[in-house]
């Protein structure tokens, strides 16, 4: 799989700002990625299991989760 590498200069780092609010869209995108892939291992295993069980029981919740 190709990898993207980003190189920051000292000037780039100095201009970088962090957003303190949560962006719900990125939370959803990140969560979907964690659910779909095995990366993250042990810290996410129990969460993945709970979410997958709940989605499989609730048709309304599961429908938007399917590709």
N, C-alpha and C. Protein backbone atom coordinates (compact mmCIF):
# COMPACT_ATOMS: atom_id res chain seq x y z
N UNK A 1 0.84 -1.17 0.00
CA UNK A 1 0.00 0.00 0.00
C UNK A 1 0.89 1.24 0.00
N UNK A 2 0.62 2.20 -0.90
CA UNK A 2 1.44 3.41 -0.93
C UNK A 2 1.28 4.22 0.35
N UNK A 3 2.34 4.88 0.72
CA UNK A 3 2.31 5.71 1.93
C UNK A 3 2.56 7.16 1.55
N UNK A 4 1.89 8.04 2.23
CA UNK A 4 2.08 9.47 2.05
C UNK A 4 3.01 9.97 3.14
N UNK A 5 4.05 10.66 2.74
CA UNK A 5 4.99 11.23 3.72
C UNK A 5 4.91 12.75 3.62
N UNK A 6 4.76 13.38 4.74
CA UNK A 6 4.69 14.84 4.79
C UNK A 6 5.88 15.33 5.61
N UNK A 7 6.63 16.25 5.06
CA UNK A 7 7.80 16.81 5.73
C UNK A 7 7.49 18.25 6.12
N UNK A 8 7.62 18.55 7.40
CA UNK A 8 7.39 19.90 7.91
C UNK A 8 8.73 20.58 8.17
N UNK A 9 8.83 21.82 7.74
CA UNK A 9 10.02 22.62 8.06
C UNK A 9 9.78 23.28 9.42
N UNK A 10 10.81 23.91 9.95
CA UNK A 10 10.67 24.65 11.21
C UNK A 10 9.63 25.75 11.07
N UNK A 11 9.60 26.38 9.91
CA UNK A 11 8.63 27.44 9.65
C UNK A 11 7.20 26.88 9.65
N UNK A 12 7.01 25.72 9.04
CA UNK A 12 5.69 25.08 9.02
C UNK A 12 5.22 24.79 10.45
N UNK A 13 6.10 24.24 11.25
CA UNK A 13 5.75 23.90 12.63
C UNK A 13 5.38 25.17 13.40
N UNK A 14 6.12 26.24 13.19
CA UNK A 14 5.85 27.49 13.90
C UNK A 14 4.48 28.06 13.54
N UNK A 15 4.00 27.80 12.31
CA UNK A 15 2.70 28.32 11.88
C UNK A 15 1.55 27.38 12.19
N UNK A 16 1.84 26.19 12.69
CA UNK A 16 0.81 25.19 12.94
C UNK A 16 -0.01 25.56 14.17
N UNK A 17 -1.31 25.44 14.04
CA UNK A 17 -2.23 25.72 15.15
C UNK A 17 -3.12 24.49 15.35
N UNK A 18 -3.50 24.24 16.57
CA UNK A 18 -4.39 23.12 16.89
C UNK A 18 -5.80 23.63 17.12
N UNK A 19 -6.76 22.89 16.63
CA UNK A 19 -8.16 23.21 16.86
C UNK A 19 -8.58 22.48 18.13
N UNK A 20 -9.13 23.21 19.09
CA UNK A 20 -9.46 22.62 20.38
C UNK A 20 -10.84 21.97 20.40
N UNK A 21 -11.70 22.29 19.44
CA UNK A 21 -13.03 21.67 19.40
C UNK A 21 -12.96 20.33 18.68
N UNK A 22 -13.89 19.47 19.00
CA UNK A 22 -13.98 18.17 18.34
C UNK A 22 -14.71 18.34 17.01
N UNK A 23 -14.20 17.74 15.96
CA UNK A 23 -14.85 17.76 14.66
C UNK A 23 -15.56 16.42 14.50
N UNK A 24 -16.89 16.43 14.57
CA UNK A 24 -17.65 15.19 14.57
C UNK A 24 -17.45 14.37 13.31
N UNK A 25 -17.29 15.02 12.16
CA UNK A 25 -17.09 14.27 10.92
C UNK A 25 -15.81 13.44 10.99
N UNK A 26 -14.71 14.04 11.50
CA UNK A 26 -13.46 13.31 11.59
C UNK A 26 -13.52 12.23 12.67
N UNK A 27 -14.31 12.45 13.71
CA UNK A 27 -14.52 11.41 14.72
C UNK A 27 -15.20 10.20 14.07
N UNK A 28 -16.21 10.45 13.23
CA UNK A 28 -16.90 9.36 12.54
C UNK A 28 -16.00 8.64 11.55
N UNK A 29 -15.24 9.41 10.78
CA UNK A 29 -14.33 8.81 9.80
C UNK A 29 -13.28 7.95 10.51
N UNK A 30 -12.69 8.48 11.57
CA UNK A 30 -11.69 7.72 12.32
C UNK A 30 -12.27 6.47 12.96
N UNK A 31 -13.47 6.58 13.51
CA UNK A 31 -14.11 5.43 14.14
C UNK A 31 -14.42 4.34 13.11
N UNK A 32 -14.90 4.76 11.93
CA UNK A 32 -15.19 3.78 10.88
C UNK A 32 -13.92 3.06 10.46
N UNK A 33 -12.81 3.78 10.36
CA UNK A 33 -11.54 3.16 10.00
C UNK A 33 -11.10 2.15 11.05
N UNK A 34 -11.22 2.51 12.31
CA UNK A 34 -10.81 1.60 13.39
C UNK A 34 -11.69 0.36 13.40
N UNK A 35 -12.99 0.53 13.12
CA UNK A 35 -13.89 -0.63 13.08
C UNK A 35 -13.56 -1.57 11.92
N UNK A 36 -13.17 -1.02 10.79
CA UNK A 36 -12.96 -1.81 9.59
C UNK A 36 -11.62 -2.54 9.56
N UNK A 37 -10.66 -2.05 10.30
CA UNK A 37 -9.31 -2.62 10.23
C UNK A 37 -8.86 -3.12 11.60
N UNK A 38 -7.93 -4.04 11.60
CA UNK A 38 -7.47 -4.65 12.85
C UNK A 38 -6.38 -3.85 13.53
N UNK A 39 -5.89 -2.78 12.89
CA UNK A 39 -4.85 -1.99 13.51
C UNK A 39 -5.36 -1.40 14.83
N UNK A 40 -4.48 -1.19 15.75
CA UNK A 40 -4.87 -0.63 17.03
C UNK A 40 -4.94 -1.69 18.10
N UNK A 41 -5.10 -2.94 17.66
CA UNK A 41 -5.05 -4.09 18.55
C UNK A 41 -5.86 -3.99 19.83
N UNK A 42 -5.23 -4.42 20.89
CA UNK A 42 -5.87 -4.60 22.18
C UNK A 42 -6.65 -3.38 22.70
N UNK A 43 -6.15 -2.17 22.59
CA UNK A 43 -6.92 -1.05 23.13
C UNK A 43 -8.31 -0.90 22.50
N UNK A 44 -8.46 -1.32 21.24
CA UNK A 44 -9.74 -1.14 20.55
C UNK A 44 -10.56 -2.41 20.44
N UNK A 45 -10.03 -3.56 20.79
CA UNK A 45 -10.74 -4.83 20.60
C UNK A 45 -12.09 -4.89 21.30
N UNK A 46 -12.15 -4.51 22.56
CA UNK A 46 -13.43 -4.61 23.28
C UNK A 46 -14.43 -3.59 22.73
N UNK A 47 -13.97 -2.42 22.34
CA UNK A 47 -14.86 -1.41 21.75
C UNK A 47 -15.40 -1.91 20.42
N UNK A 48 -14.51 -2.47 19.57
CA UNK A 48 -14.97 -3.03 18.29
C UNK A 48 -16.03 -4.09 18.50
N UNK A 49 -15.81 -4.97 19.44
CA UNK A 49 -16.75 -6.06 19.72
C UNK A 49 -18.11 -5.50 20.14
N UNK A 50 -18.11 -4.54 21.06
CA UNK A 50 -19.38 -3.95 21.53
C UNK A 50 -20.13 -3.25 20.39
N UNK A 51 -19.40 -2.49 19.59
CA UNK A 51 -20.05 -1.77 18.49
C UNK A 51 -20.60 -2.75 17.47
N UNK A 52 -19.82 -3.75 17.10
CA UNK A 52 -20.28 -4.73 16.10
C UNK A 52 -21.50 -5.50 16.60
N UNK A 53 -21.53 -5.86 17.88
CA UNK A 53 -22.70 -6.56 18.43
C UNK A 53 -23.93 -5.67 18.38
N UNK A 54 -23.76 -4.41 18.77
CA UNK A 54 -24.90 -3.49 18.78
C UNK A 54 -25.41 -3.23 17.36
N UNK A 55 -24.51 -3.05 16.41
CA UNK A 55 -24.89 -2.81 15.02
C UNK A 55 -25.62 -4.02 14.46
N UNK A 56 -25.18 -5.23 14.80
CA UNK A 56 -25.82 -6.43 14.26
C UNK A 56 -27.22 -6.63 14.84
N UNK A 57 -27.49 -6.12 16.05
CA UNK A 57 -28.81 -6.25 16.67
C UNK A 57 -29.78 -5.17 16.21
N UNK A 58 -29.28 -4.02 15.83
CA UNK A 58 -30.13 -2.87 15.52
C UNK A 58 -30.05 -2.57 14.02
N UNK A 59 -31.08 -2.96 13.28
CA UNK A 59 -31.10 -2.78 11.83
C UNK A 59 -30.99 -1.32 11.41
N UNK A 60 -31.67 -0.42 12.14
CA UNK A 60 -31.58 1.00 11.80
C UNK A 60 -30.18 1.55 11.98
N UNK A 61 -29.49 1.06 12.98
CA UNK A 61 -28.12 1.51 13.23
C UNK A 61 -27.16 0.86 12.24
N UNK A 62 -27.40 -0.39 11.89
CA UNK A 62 -26.50 -1.12 11.02
C UNK A 62 -26.54 -0.69 9.57
N UNK A 63 -27.71 -0.25 9.09
CA UNK A 63 -27.87 0.11 7.68
C UNK A 63 -26.84 1.16 7.22
N UNK A 64 -26.69 2.30 7.92
CA UNK A 64 -25.70 3.28 7.45
C UNK A 64 -24.26 2.82 7.65
N UNK A 65 -24.03 1.79 8.43
CA UNK A 65 -22.68 1.31 8.69
C UNK A 65 -22.16 0.39 7.59
N UNK A 66 -23.07 -0.11 6.77
CA UNK A 66 -22.64 -1.00 5.69
C UNK A 66 -22.20 -0.19 4.49
N UNK A 67 -21.16 -0.68 3.77
CA UNK A 67 -20.71 0.07 2.57
C UNK A 67 -21.75 0.06 1.48
